[in-house]
Amino acid sequence: MSEHKLVYIASPYAGDVLKNIEFAKAACRYAMRQNCTPVAVHLLYPQFLDDNDLVQRSAGLTMGHRVLLACDELWVCGERISSGMAAEITEAKKLGIPVREVSAEQIQGGLAMDKKYGVWAVRSAASVCGAAQSWCKQGGKPMEFDMMEQAVEYADQLNKNLATMNVHYYPKEMEPKLSQGSGFSMRM
């Protein structure tokens, strides 16, 4: 594969938005692993457009099609094709941009990433020190657990034993770390 193709990442957004955002991020990391430069407008535009507002959604799709014009390929990521993705596929074909299907299995197996879990500490604004949030740390590094159940148990212990009105502890999946295997290169 030639290096640094600009690839348009098409994956679902609506529905289980949080899960779909994580999948889109994984698709972008997979594209990087393939020495491509990913563009996922559905990770950007919802930051300032409301996907539930038909006018704003239409503007987002129009802007996305403009970005697609600059791309070398469109990657259809996963097995479900949303209405927005269908429009992107149609537009890519109309423009003569190659469309590549990438399975969820390829994306999720594309990097050596193990899920890790941690405990997220949240201090309320009512605290004398003010609001803050951070991973629970040990030795200056966030504590990591291999299973969500372990993080849940630790968070429960903290909430029980360090009971305070201003700090609460929550188990949370950590952002996967990109491990650089052989063949990974990123030149700017």
N, C-alpha and C. Protein backbone atom coordinates (compact mmCIF):
# COMPACT_ATOMS: atom_id res chain seq x y z
N MET A 1 0.84 -1.18 0.00
CA MET A 1 0.00 0.00 0.00
C MET A 1 0.88 1.24 0.00
N SER A 2 0.53 2.21 -0.84
CA SER A 2 1.35 3.41 -0.88
C SER A 2 1.14 4.20 0.40
N GLU A 3 2.19 4.86 0.82
CA GLU A 3 2.13 5.55 2.10
C GLU A 3 1.39 6.87 2.01
N HIS A 4 0.74 7.19 3.09
CA HIS A 4 0.13 8.49 3.34
C HIS A 4 -1.01 8.85 2.40
N LYS A 5 -1.77 7.84 1.97
CA LYS A 5 -3.01 8.14 1.27
C LYS A 5 -3.90 8.89 2.25
N LEU A 6 -4.64 9.83 1.77
CA LEU A 6 -5.63 10.52 2.58
C LEU A 6 -6.92 9.71 2.46
N VAL A 7 -7.34 9.09 3.57
CA VAL A 7 -8.52 8.23 3.52
C VAL A 7 -9.65 8.81 4.36
N TYR A 8 -10.82 8.81 3.75
CA TYR A 8 -12.04 9.30 4.38
C TYR A 8 -12.65 8.13 5.15
N ILE A 9 -12.77 8.26 6.44
CA ILE A 9 -13.33 7.20 7.29
C ILE A 9 -14.84 7.38 7.37
N ALA A 10 -15.57 6.38 6.87
CA ALA A 10 -17.03 6.38 6.95
C ALA A 10 -17.44 5.27 7.90
N SER A 11 -18.05 5.66 9.00
CA SER A 11 -18.57 4.70 9.97
C SER A 11 -19.79 5.33 10.63
N PRO A 12 -20.65 4.52 11.25
CA PRO A 12 -21.87 5.09 11.85
C PRO A 12 -21.56 6.09 12.97
N TYR A 13 -22.45 7.06 13.13
CA TYR A 13 -22.35 8.01 14.23
C TYR A 13 -23.59 7.89 15.13
N ALA A 14 -24.78 8.02 14.54
CA ALA A 14 -26.02 8.00 15.32
C ALA A 14 -26.27 6.63 15.94
N GLY A 15 -27.18 6.60 16.90
CA GLY A 15 -27.47 5.36 17.61
C GLY A 15 -26.72 5.37 18.92
N ASP A 16 -25.86 4.39 19.12
CA ASP A 16 -25.02 4.34 20.31
C ASP A 16 -23.81 5.23 20.05
N VAL A 17 -24.00 6.53 20.24
CA VAL A 17 -23.01 7.52 19.84
C VAL A 17 -21.65 7.28 20.48
N LEU A 18 -21.61 7.02 21.79
CA LEU A 18 -20.33 6.81 22.46
C LEU A 18 -19.58 5.61 21.88
N LYS A 19 -20.29 4.52 21.68
CA LYS A 19 -19.68 3.32 21.10
C LYS A 19 -19.21 3.61 19.67
N ASN A 20 -20.03 4.33 18.91
CA ASN A 20 -19.69 4.63 17.52
C ASN A 20 -18.49 5.59 17.42
N ILE A 21 -18.37 6.50 18.37
CA ILE A 21 -17.21 7.40 18.40
C ILE A 21 -15.94 6.58 18.67
N GLU A 22 -16.01 5.67 19.63
CA GLU A 22 -14.85 4.82 19.93
C GLU A 22 -14.47 3.97 18.72
N PHE A 23 -15.47 3.46 18.00
CA PHE A 23 -15.19 2.66 16.81
C PHE A 23 -14.54 3.53 15.72
N ALA A 24 -15.03 4.76 15.54
CA ALA A 24 -14.44 5.66 14.55
C ALA A 24 -12.99 5.98 14.90
N LYS A 25 -12.71 6.19 16.18
CA LYS A 25 -11.33 6.42 16.61
C LYS A 25 -10.45 5.21 16.31
N ALA A 26 -10.99 4.01 16.57
CA ALA A 26 -10.24 2.79 16.27
C ALA A 26 -9.99 2.66 14.77
N ALA A 27 -10.97 3.05 13.96
CA ALA A 27 -10.80 3.01 12.51
C ALA A 27 -9.69 3.97 12.07
N CYS A 28 -9.63 5.13 12.71
CA CYS A 28 -8.57 6.10 12.40
C CYS A 28 -7.20 5.54 12.78
N ARG A 29 -7.13 4.90 13.95
CA ARG A 29 -5.86 4.30 14.36
C ARG A 29 -5.45 3.18 13.40
N TYR A 30 -6.42 2.41 12.95
CA TYR A 30 -6.15 1.35 11.98
C TYR A 30 -5.59 1.96 10.69
N ALA A 31 -6.19 3.05 10.22
CA ALA A 31 -5.71 3.71 9.00
C ALA A 31 -4.27 4.20 9.19
N MET A 32 -3.98 4.74 10.36
CA MET A 32 -2.60 5.17 10.65
C MET A 32 -1.65 3.99 10.57
N ARG A 33 -2.09 2.85 11.10
CA ARG A 33 -1.28 1.63 11.09
C ARG A 33 -0.99 1.19 9.65
N GLN A 34 -1.89 1.53 8.74
CA GLN A 34 -1.72 1.21 7.33
C GLN A 34 -0.93 2.30 6.59
N ASN A 35 -0.31 3.19 7.36
CA ASN A 35 0.48 4.31 6.82
C ASN A 35 -0.37 5.26 5.98
N CYS A 36 -1.61 5.46 6.41
CA CYS A 36 -2.51 6.39 5.76
C CYS A 36 -2.81 7.53 6.72
N THR A 37 -3.34 8.60 6.17
CA THR A 37 -3.77 9.73 6.97
C THR A 37 -5.29 9.72 6.99
N PRO A 38 -5.90 9.41 8.14
CA PRO A 38 -7.36 9.32 8.20
C PRO A 38 -8.02 10.69 8.40
N VAL A 39 -9.22 10.80 7.81
CA VAL A 39 -10.07 11.97 8.03
C VAL A 39 -11.44 11.43 8.42
N ALA A 40 -11.90 11.78 9.61
CA ALA A 40 -13.21 11.32 10.09
C ALA A 40 -14.02 12.56 10.47
N VAL A 41 -14.74 13.10 9.51
CA VAL A 41 -15.49 14.34 9.76
C VAL A 41 -16.57 14.14 10.81
N HIS A 42 -17.05 12.92 10.99
CA HIS A 42 -18.09 12.68 12.00
C HIS A 42 -17.53 12.68 13.41
N LEU A 43 -16.21 12.77 13.55
CA LEU A 43 -15.62 13.01 14.87
C LEU A 43 -15.43 14.51 15.10
N LEU A 44 -15.39 15.28 14.03
CA LEU A 44 -15.18 16.73 14.14
C LEU A 44 -16.49 17.52 14.16
N TYR A 45 -17.31 17.34 13.15
CA TYR A 45 -18.48 18.20 12.99
C TYR A 45 -19.47 18.17 14.16
N PRO A 46 -19.71 17.03 14.81
CA PRO A 46 -20.63 17.05 15.96
C PRO A 46 -20.12 17.91 17.13
N GLN A 47 -18.87 18.34 17.06
CA GLN A 47 -18.34 19.23 18.10
C GLN A 47 -18.99 20.61 18.03
N PHE A 48 -19.47 20.97 16.80
CA PHE A 48 -20.09 22.29 16.68
C PHE A 48 -21.42 22.27 15.91
N LEU A 49 -21.83 21.11 15.42
CA LEU A 49 -23.12 20.97 14.74
C LEU A 49 -23.99 19.98 15.51
N ASP A 50 -25.31 20.18 15.46
CA ASP A 50 -26.25 19.28 16.11
C ASP A 50 -26.76 18.29 15.08
N ASP A 51 -26.39 17.01 15.23
CA ASP A 51 -26.77 15.97 14.29
C ASP A 51 -28.28 15.75 14.28
N ASN A 52 -28.98 16.17 15.32
CA ASN A 52 -30.44 16.01 15.38
C ASN A 52 -31.20 17.15 14.71
N ASP A 53 -30.50 18.23 14.36
CA ASP A 53 -31.09 19.35 13.65
C ASP A 53 -30.89 19.10 12.15
N LEU A 54 -31.97 18.95 11.40
CA LEU A 54 -31.87 18.57 9.98
C LEU A 54 -31.05 19.55 9.15
N VAL A 55 -31.17 20.84 9.43
CA VAL A 55 -30.40 21.85 8.68
C VAL A 55 -28.91 21.70 8.98
N GLN A 56 -28.56 21.55 10.26
CA GLN A 56 -27.16 21.40 10.63
C GLN A 56 -26.60 20.06 10.14
N ARG A 57 -27.41 19.00 10.19
CA ARG A 57 -26.97 17.69 9.68
C ARG A 57 -26.68 17.78 8.19
N SER A 58 -27.57 18.44 7.45
CA SER A 58 -27.38 18.61 6.01
C SER A 58 -26.10 19.40 5.72
N ALA A 59 -25.85 20.45 6.51
CA ALA A 59 -24.62 21.24 6.34
C ALA A 59 -23.39 20.36 6.60
N GLY A 60 -23.46 19.52 7.63
CA GLY A 60 -22.36 18.61 7.93
C GLY A 60 -22.09 17.64 6.80
N LEU A 61 -23.16 17.08 6.22
CA LEU A 61 -22.99 16.15 5.10
C LEU A 61 -22.40 16.86 3.88
N THR A 62 -22.86 18.07 3.62
CA THR A 62 -22.33 18.84 2.50
C THR A 62 -20.85 19.14 2.69
N MET A 63 -20.48 19.57 3.90
CA MET A 63 -19.06 19.85 4.17
C MET A 63 -18.23 18.57 4.09
N GLY A 64 -18.80 17.46 4.57
CA GLY A 64 -18.12 16.18 4.49
C GLY A 64 -17.83 15.78 3.05
N HIS A 65 -18.81 16.03 2.16
CA HIS A 65 -18.61 15.71 0.75
C HIS A 65 -17.51 16.58 0.14
N ARG A 66 -17.39 17.80 0.62
CA ARG A 66 -16.30 18.68 0.15
C ARG A 66 -14.94 18.13 0.59
N VAL A 67 -14.86 17.64 1.83
CA VAL A 67 -13.63 17.04 2.33
C VAL A 67 -13.31 15.77 1.54
N LEU A 68 -14.35 14.99 1.24
CA LEU A 68 -14.19 13.76 0.48
C LEU A 68 -13.49 14.01 -0.86
N LEU A 69 -13.79 15.14 -1.47
CA LEU A 69 -13.16 15.51 -2.75
C LEU A 69 -11.63 15.47 -2.69
N ALA A 70 -11.06 15.79 -1.54
CA ALA A 70 -9.61 15.86 -1.39
C ALA A 70 -8.99 14.49 -1.06
N CYS A 71 -9.84 13.48 -0.79
CA CYS A 71 -9.33 12.18 -0.33
C CYS A 71 -8.99 11.24 -1.48
N ASP A 72 -8.05 10.34 -1.19
CA ASP A 72 -7.64 9.33 -2.17
C ASP A 72 -8.56 8.13 -2.18
N GLU A 73 -9.14 7.82 -1.02
CA GLU A 73 -10.05 6.66 -0.89
C GLU A 73 -11.09 6.95 0.17
N LEU A 74 -12.20 6.23 0.08
CA LEU A 74 -13.21 6.22 1.14
C LEU A 74 -13.21 4.82 1.72
N TRP A 75 -13.07 4.72 3.03
CA TRP A 75 -13.11 3.42 3.71
C TRP A 75 -14.44 3.28 4.42
N VAL A 76 -15.20 2.27 4.05
CA VAL A 76 -16.46 1.94 4.71
C VAL A 76 -16.11 1.01 5.86
N CYS A 77 -16.24 1.49 7.07
CA CYS A 77 -15.76 0.77 8.26
C CYS A 77 -16.91 0.11 9.00
N GLY A 78 -16.80 -1.20 9.16
CA GLY A 78 -17.83 -1.95 9.87
C GLY A 78 -18.87 -2.49 8.91
N GLU A 79 -19.82 -3.22 9.48
CA GLU A 79 -20.82 -3.89 8.65
C GLU A 79 -22.10 -3.08 8.48
N ARG A 80 -22.38 -2.15 9.39
CA ARG A 80 -23.62 -1.36 9.30
C ARG A 80 -23.36 -0.10 8.49
N ILE A 81 -24.24 0.15 7.52
CA ILE A 81 -24.12 1.36 6.70
C ILE A 81 -25.29 2.27 7.03
N SER A 82 -24.98 3.43 7.60
CA SER A 82 -26.01 4.41 7.96
C SER A 82 -26.42 5.19 6.71
N SER A 83 -27.47 6.00 6.83
CA SER A 83 -27.91 6.81 5.69
C SER A 83 -26.83 7.82 5.29
N GLY A 84 -26.14 8.38 6.27
CA GLY A 84 -25.05 9.32 5.96
C GLY A 84 -23.91 8.65 5.23
N MET A 85 -23.58 7.41 5.66
CA MET A 85 -22.53 6.65 4.99
C MET A 85 -22.93 6.31 3.57
N ALA A 86 -24.20 5.94 3.38
CA ALA A 86 -24.69 5.60 2.04
C ALA A 86 -24.52 6.79 1.10
N ALA A 87 -24.82 8.00 1.61
CA ALA A 87 -24.65 9.21 0.80
C ALA A 87 -23.18 9.44 0.49
N GLU A 88 -22.29 9.16 1.44
CA GLU A 88 -20.85 9.33 1.22
C GLU A 88 -20.34 8.33 0.18
N ILE A 89 -20.84 7.11 0.23
CA ILE A 89 -20.44 6.08 -0.73
C ILE A 89 -20.89 6.48 -2.14
N THR A 90 -22.14 6.92 -2.25
CA THR A 90 -22.67 7.37 -3.55
C THR A 90 -21.84 8.52 -4.10
N GLU A 91 -21.51 9.48 -3.24
CA GLU A 91 -20.71 10.64 -3.65
C GLU A 91 -19.31 10.21 -4.10
N ALA A 92 -18.68 9.30 -3.36
CA ALA A 92 -17.34 8.83 -3.72
C ALA A 92 -17.36 8.15 -5.09
N LYS A 93 -18.35 7.30 -5.32
CA LYS A 93 -18.46 6.61 -6.61
C LYS A 93 -18.68 7.61 -7.74
N LYS A 94 -19.51 8.61 -7.48
CA LYS A 94 -19.78 9.66 -8.48
C LYS A 94 -18.49 10.41 -8.82
N LEU A 95 -17.63 10.61 -7.83
CA LEU A 95 -16.38 11.35 -8.03
C LEU A 95 -15.24 10.44 -8.52
N GLY A 96 -15.49 9.15 -8.61
CA GLY A 96 -14.45 8.22 -9.04
C GLY A 96 -13.42 7.92 -7.96
N ILE A 97 -13.80 8.13 -6.71
CA ILE A 97 -12.91 7.85 -5.57
C ILE A 97 -13.09 6.39 -5.17
N PRO A 98 -12.01 5.62 -5.10
CA PRO A 98 -12.15 4.21 -4.73
C PRO A 98 -12.78 4.04 -3.35
N VAL A 99 -13.66 3.04 -3.25
CA VAL A 99 -14.34 2.72 -2.00
C VAL A 99 -13.81 1.36 -1.54
N ARG A 100 -13.32 1.31 -0.30
CA ARG A 100 -12.76 0.08 0.26
C ARG A 100 -13.58 -0.30 1.50
N GLU A 101 -13.92 -1.55 1.61
CA GLU A 101 -14.63 -2.04 2.79
C GLU A 101 -13.62 -2.57 3.80
N VAL A 102 -13.76 -2.14 5.03
CA VAL A 102 -12.87 -2.57 6.11
C VAL A 102 -13.76 -3.10 7.23
N SER A 103 -13.58 -4.36 7.57
CA SER A 103 -14.45 -4.99 8.58
C SER A 103 -14.10 -4.51 9.98
N ALA A 104 -15.07 -4.65 10.88
CA ALA A 104 -14.83 -4.31 12.29
C ALA A 104 -13.72 -5.19 12.84
N GLU A 105 -13.67 -6.44 12.39
CA GLU A 105 -12.63 -7.36 12.86
C GLU A 105 -11.24 -6.86 12.45
N GLN A 106 -11.11 -6.38 11.21
CA GLN A 106 -9.82 -5.83 10.77
C GLN A 106 -9.42 -4.64 11.64
N ILE A 107 -10.39 -3.76 11.88
CA ILE A 107 -10.12 -2.53 12.64
C ILE A 107 -9.74 -2.87 14.08
N GLN A 108 -10.52 -3.70 14.71
CA GLN A 108 -10.28 -4.01 16.11
C GLN A 108 -9.07 -4.90 16.30
N GLY A 109 -8.66 -5.61 15.28
CA GLY A 109 -7.47 -6.44 15.37
C GLY A 109 -6.28 -5.77 14.72
N GLY A 110 -6.49 -4.58 14.17
CA GLY A 110 -5.45 -3.89 13.42
C GLY A 110 -4.30 -3.39 14.24
N LEU A 111 -4.49 -3.24 15.53
CA LEU A 111 -3.42 -2.79 16.42
C LEU A 111 -3.35 -3.74 17.60
N ALA A 112 -2.20 -3.88 18.13
CA ALA A 112 -2.04 -4.68 19.34
C ALA A 112 -2.45 -3.81 20.52
N MET A 113 -3.73 -3.84 20.84
CA MET A 113 -4.23 -3.02 21.94
C MET A 113 -5.08 -3.90 22.85
N ASP A 114 -4.70 -3.98 24.09
CA ASP A 114 -5.51 -4.67 25.08
C ASP A 114 -6.33 -3.63 25.81
N LYS A 115 -7.58 -3.98 26.08
CA LYS A 115 -8.40 -3.06 26.85
C LYS A 115 -7.87 -3.00 28.26
N LYS A 116 -7.80 -1.80 28.77
CA LYS A 116 -7.40 -1.57 30.16
C LYS A 116 -8.47 -0.71 30.81
N TYR A 117 -8.59 -0.88 32.10
CA TYR A 117 -9.60 -0.15 32.86
C TYR A 117 -8.93 0.56 34.02
N GLY A 118 -9.52 1.66 34.43
CA GLY A 118 -8.99 2.41 35.54
C GLY A 118 -10.12 2.95 36.40
N VAL A 119 -9.74 3.74 37.38
CA VAL A 119 -10.72 4.38 38.25
C VAL A 119 -10.55 5.88 38.10
N TRP A 120 -11.63 6.54 37.73
CA TRP A 120 -11.66 7.98 37.46
C TRP A 120 -12.16 8.69 38.71
N ALA A 121 -11.35 9.59 39.25
CA ALA A 121 -11.73 10.36 40.44
C ALA A 121 -12.28 11.71 40.00
N VAL A 122 -13.43 12.06 40.53
CA VAL A 122 -14.07 13.33 40.18
C VAL A 122 -14.34 14.12 41.46
N ARG A 123 -13.71 15.31 41.53
CA ARG A 123 -13.92 16.20 42.67
C ARG A 123 -14.90 17.28 42.24
N SER A 124 -15.92 17.52 43.06
CA SER A 124 -16.97 18.48 42.70
C SER A 124 -16.49 19.92 42.91
N ALA A 125 -17.21 20.81 42.29
CA ALA A 125 -16.92 22.24 42.43
C ALA A 125 -17.17 22.72 43.85
N ALA A 126 -17.93 21.95 44.63
CA ALA A 126 -18.22 22.33 46.01
C ALA A 126 -17.00 22.15 46.92
N SER A 127 -15.99 21.47 46.44
CA SER A 127 -14.77 21.25 47.22
C SER A 127 -14.03 22.57 47.41
N VAL A 128 -13.34 22.69 48.52
CA VAL A 128 -12.52 23.88 48.80
C VAL A 128 -11.47 24.06 47.69
N CYS A 129 -10.99 22.96 47.15
CA CYS A 129 -9.97 23.00 46.09
C CYS A 129 -10.56 23.18 44.70
N GLY A 130 -11.89 23.15 44.57
CA GLY A 130 -12.52 23.31 43.26
C GLY A 130 -12.66 21.99 42.52
N ALA A 131 -13.32 22.04 41.37
CA ALA A 131 -13.58 20.85 40.57
C ALA A 131 -12.32 20.34 39.90
N ALA A 132 -12.22 19.04 39.80
CA ALA A 132 -11.09 18.41 39.11
C ALA A 132 -11.45 16.96 38.82
N GLN A 133 -10.74 16.37 37.88
CA GLN A 133 -10.91 14.95 37.61
C GLN A 133 -9.61 14.38 37.07
N SER A 134 -9.38 13.12 37.41
CA SER A 134 -8.12 12.49 37.04
C SER A 134 -8.22 10.99 37.28
N TRP A 135 -7.33 10.25 36.64
CA TRP A 135 -7.20 8.83 36.95
C TRP A 135 -6.60 8.67 38.34
N CYS A 136 -7.01 7.63 39.06
CA CYS A 136 -6.35 7.27 40.31
C CYS A 136 -4.97 6.75 39.94
N LYS A 137 -3.96 7.23 40.65
CA LYS A 137 -2.58 6.91 40.28
C LYS A 137 -1.86 6.19 41.40
N GLN A 138 -0.84 5.47 41.00
CA GLN A 138 0.07 4.82 41.93
C GLN A 138 1.46 4.97 41.34
N GLY A 139 2.38 5.54 42.11
CA GLY A 139 3.72 5.77 41.59
C GLY A 139 3.74 6.78 40.45
N GLY A 140 2.78 7.70 40.45
CA GLY A 140 2.73 8.74 39.42
C GLY A 140 2.10 8.32 38.11
N LYS A 141 1.69 7.05 37.98
CA LYS A 141 1.08 6.55 36.74
C LYS A 141 -0.34 6.08 37.03
N PRO A 142 -1.25 6.26 36.06
CA PRO A 142 -2.61 5.76 36.28
C PRO A 142 -2.62 4.26 36.57
N MET A 143 -3.41 3.88 37.55
CA MET A 143 -3.56 2.45 37.89
C MET A 143 -4.34 1.79 36.75
N GLU A 144 -3.91 0.60 36.34
CA GLU A 144 -4.57 -0.13 35.27
C GLU A 144 -5.04 -1.49 35.76
N PHE A 145 -6.23 -1.87 35.31
CA PHE A 145 -6.80 -3.17 35.62
C PHE A 145 -7.09 -3.88 34.31
N ASP A 146 -6.93 -5.20 34.30
CA ASP A 146 -7.19 -5.98 33.09
C ASP A 146 -8.67 -6.23 32.86
N MET A 147 -9.46 -6.18 33.93
CA MET A 147 -10.89 -6.44 33.81
C MET A 147 -11.69 -5.31 34.44
N MET A 148 -12.83 -5.00 33.83
CA MET A 148 -13.70 -3.94 34.34
C MET A 148 -14.14 -4.26 35.76
N GLU A 149 -14.37 -5.54 36.06
CA GLU A 149 -14.82 -5.93 37.39
C GLU A 149 -13.82 -5.50 38.47
N GLN A 150 -12.52 -5.58 38.14
CA GLN A 150 -11.48 -5.17 39.10
C GLN A 150 -11.56 -3.67 39.35
N ALA A 151 -11.78 -2.89 38.29
CA ALA A 151 -11.90 -1.44 38.43
C ALA A 151 -13.16 -1.08 39.23
N VAL A 152 -14.25 -1.82 38.98
CA VAL A 152 -15.50 -1.58 39.71
C VAL A 152 -15.29 -1.84 41.20
N GLU A 153 -14.63 -2.95 41.51
CA GLU A 153 -14.39 -3.31 42.91
C GLU A 153 -13.53 -2.26 43.60
N TYR A 154 -12.47 -1.80 42.93
CA TYR A 154 -11.59 -0.81 43.52
C TYR A 154 -12.32 0.53 43.72
N ALA A 155 -13.11 0.94 42.73
CA ALA A 155 -13.88 2.19 42.85
C ALA A 155 -14.87 2.09 44.01
N ASP A 156 -15.53 0.94 44.13
CA ASP A 156 -16.48 0.74 45.24
C ASP A 156 -15.78 0.84 46.59
N GLN A 157 -14.58 0.24 46.69
CA GLN A 157 -13.81 0.32 47.94
C GLN A 157 -13.46 1.77 48.27
N LEU A 158 -13.02 2.51 47.28
CA LEU A 158 -12.67 3.91 47.51
C LEU A 158 -13.89 4.72 47.94
N ASN A 159 -15.01 4.51 47.25
CA ASN A 159 -16.23 5.26 47.60
C ASN A 159 -16.71 4.91 49.00
N LYS A 160 -16.50 3.67 49.44
CA LYS A 160 -16.93 3.24 50.76
C LYS A 160 -15.95 3.71 51.85
N ASN A 161 -14.66 3.50 51.61
CA ASN A 161 -13.65 3.77 52.64
C ASN A 161 -13.20 5.23 52.71
N LEU A 162 -13.29 5.93 51.61
CA LEU A 162 -12.87 7.34 51.60
C LEU A 162 -14.08 8.23 51.39
N ALA A 163 -15.17 7.87 52.04
CA ALA A 163 -16.43 8.57 51.84
C ALA A 163 -16.30 10.07 52.08
N THR A 164 -16.58 10.81 51.05
CA THR A 164 -16.60 12.27 51.13
C THR A 164 -17.68 12.75 50.17
N MET A 165 -18.27 13.85 50.47
CA MET A 165 -19.33 14.39 49.62
C MET A 165 -18.76 14.98 48.34
N ASN A 166 -17.47 15.32 48.36
CA ASN A 166 -16.91 16.06 47.24
C ASN A 166 -16.13 15.23 46.22
N VAL A 167 -15.81 13.99 46.55
CA VAL A 167 -15.04 13.15 45.62
C VAL A 167 -15.75 11.82 45.43
N HIS A 168 -15.92 11.44 44.17
CA HIS A 168 -16.51 10.14 43.83
C HIS A 168 -15.60 9.45 42.83
N TYR A 169 -15.60 8.13 42.88
CA TYR A 169 -14.72 7.31 42.05
C TYR A 169 -15.57 6.45 41.12
N TYR A 170 -15.17 6.40 39.85
CA TYR A 170 -15.94 5.68 38.84
C TYR A 170 -15.02 4.76 38.04
N PRO A 171 -15.44 3.50 37.81
CA PRO A 171 -14.65 2.63 36.93
C PRO A 171 -14.85 3.12 35.49
N LYS A 172 -13.80 3.01 34.70
CA LYS A 172 -13.88 3.55 33.34
C LYS A 172 -12.87 2.84 32.45
N GLU A 173 -13.26 2.61 31.19
CA GLU A 173 -12.32 2.04 30.22
C GLU A 173 -11.33 3.13 29.83
N MET A 174 -10.06 2.75 29.80
CA MET A 174 -9.02 3.71 29.45
C MET A 174 -8.88 3.79 27.94
N GLU A 175 -8.42 4.92 27.46
CA GLU A 175 -8.16 5.09 26.03
C GLU A 175 -7.05 4.12 25.64
N PRO A 176 -7.29 3.30 24.60
CA PRO A 176 -6.24 2.35 24.20
C PRO A 176 -4.97 3.08 23.79
N LYS A 177 -3.85 2.47 24.10
CA LYS A 177 -2.57 3.05 23.73
C LYS A 177 -2.13 2.47 22.41
N LEU A 178 -1.68 3.31 21.52
CA LEU A 178 -1.17 2.87 20.23
C LEU A 178 0.20 2.27 20.43
N SER A 179 0.32 0.96 20.15
CA SER A 179 1.62 0.34 20.29
C SER A 179 2.28 0.31 18.92
N GLN A 180 3.49 0.77 18.86
CA GLN A 180 4.19 0.88 17.59
C GLN A 180 4.91 -0.42 17.30
N GLY A 181 4.30 -1.20 16.43
CA GLY A 181 4.93 -2.43 16.00
C GLY A 181 5.84 -2.17 14.84
N SER A 182 6.51 -3.21 14.37
CA SER A 182 7.38 -3.03 13.22
C SER A 182 6.53 -2.63 12.03
N GLY A 183 7.06 -1.78 11.21
CA GLY A 183 6.35 -1.33 10.04
C GLY A 183 5.54 -0.07 10.27
N PHE A 184 5.41 0.36 11.51
CA PHE A 184 4.68 1.59 11.78
C PHE A 184 5.61 2.76 11.60
N SER A 185 5.23 3.64 10.73
CA SER A 185 6.05 4.84 10.55
C SER A 185 5.12 6.00 10.26
N MET A 186 5.48 7.13 10.74
CA MET A 186 4.69 8.31 10.52
C MET A 186 5.64 9.46 10.24
N ARG A 187 5.73 9.82 9.01
CA ARG A 187 6.60 10.93 8.64
C ARG A 187 5.74 12.13 8.32
N MET A 188 6.16 13.27 8.78
CA MET A 188 5.41 14.51 8.50
C MET A 188 6.13 15.30 7.44
